[in-house]
Protein backbone atom coordinates (compact mmCIF):
# COMPACT_ATOMS: atom_id res chain seq x y z
CA MET A 1 -0.49 1.16 -46.49
CA ALA A 2 -3.69 2.36 -44.94
CA ASP A 3 -6.86 1.68 -46.84
CA ILE A 4 -10.39 3.06 -46.68
CA ALA A 5 -11.40 0.68 -43.87
CA ASP A 6 -8.55 1.92 -41.67
CA PHE A 7 -9.57 5.54 -42.21
CA ALA A 8 -13.20 4.66 -41.45
CA ASN A 9 -12.22 2.88 -38.24
CA ASP A 10 -10.11 5.85 -37.15
CA LEU A 11 -12.98 8.23 -37.85
CA VAL A 12 -15.47 6.10 -35.91
CA GLN A 13 -13.08 5.80 -32.96
CA GLU A 14 -12.54 9.55 -32.95
CA ARG A 15 -16.29 10.19 -32.90
CA ILE A 16 -16.78 7.69 -30.07
CA ASP A 17 -14.03 9.35 -28.06
CA GLN A 18 -15.59 12.77 -28.62
CA ALA A 19 -19.03 11.54 -27.58
CA LEU A 20 -17.69 9.93 -24.41
CA ALA A 21 -15.72 13.05 -23.52
CA ALA A 22 -18.81 15.22 -24.00
CA ARG A 23 -20.91 12.83 -21.92
CA ASN A 24 -18.37 12.77 -19.07
CA ALA A 25 -18.05 16.56 -19.14
CA SER A 26 -21.81 17.03 -18.90
CA LYS A 27 -22.25 14.69 -15.93
CA SER A 28 -22.97 16.56 -12.76
CA ARG A 29 -20.40 15.95 -10.11
CA ALA A 30 -22.08 14.18 -7.21
CA VAL A 31 -21.20 15.64 -3.85
CA VAL A 32 -20.26 12.89 -1.44
CA HIS A 33 -20.71 13.68 2.23
CA SER A 34 -18.75 12.02 4.98
CA PHE A 35 -20.30 10.55 8.10
CA LEU A 36 -19.94 12.55 11.30
CA PHE A 37 -19.59 9.37 13.36
CA CYS A 38 -17.83 6.11 12.58
CA GLU A 39 -20.31 3.47 11.40
CA LYS A 40 -18.42 0.75 13.28
CA CYS A 41 -17.43 2.20 16.65
CA ASP A 42 -19.63 5.36 16.79
CA VAL A 43 -16.63 7.62 17.55
CA PRO A 44 -16.77 11.11 15.98
CA ILE A 45 -14.76 11.34 12.75
CA PRO A 46 -12.42 14.36 12.91
CA GLU A 47 -13.16 17.17 10.48
CA PRO A 48 -9.70 17.07 8.82
CA ARG A 49 -10.31 13.42 7.90
CA ARG A 50 -13.78 14.20 6.53
CA ILE A 51 -12.30 17.00 4.41
CA ALA A 52 -9.31 14.98 3.22
CA GLN A 53 -11.35 11.83 2.49
CA PRO A 54 -14.81 12.83 1.21
CA GLY A 55 -17.33 10.07 1.68
CA CYS A 56 -15.52 8.39 4.55
CA THR A 57 -17.71 6.29 6.83
CA CYS A 58 -15.14 5.04 9.36
CA CYS A 59 -12.64 6.58 11.73
CA VAL A 60 -8.95 6.14 11.02
CA GLU A 61 -8.57 3.20 13.41
CA CYS A 62 -11.50 1.21 12.00
CA GLN A 63 -10.46 1.98 8.42
CA SER A 64 -6.91 0.84 9.17
CA MET A 65 -8.21 -2.45 10.59
CA ASP A 66 -10.42 -2.97 7.53
CA ASP A 67 -7.53 -2.24 5.17
CA HIS A 68 -5.32 -4.66 7.07
CA LYS A 69 -7.96 -7.40 6.91
CA ARG A 70 -8.52 -6.86 3.18
CA ALA A 71 -4.79 -6.96 2.49
CA ARG A 72 -4.45 -10.14 4.51
CA TYR A 73 -7.30 -11.97 2.80
CA ALA A 74 -6.57 -10.66 -0.68
CA ARG A 75 -3.63 -13.00 -1.06
């Protein structure tokens, strides 16, 4: 059976969850802008990619190469 300590722990956890939810809701959403040109090869990044992937810094080709390298060395 649950005792007073269990009820107290549940209440504390509920208050923590509420405080974290309120904090996350009040955070302003940072707007991340994409680069207009690839930081690696200096080729213009197409607008559809910049819209689909906010904050992108590389063109599709350079990003694909980076992803491939990371996947290869992650093993």
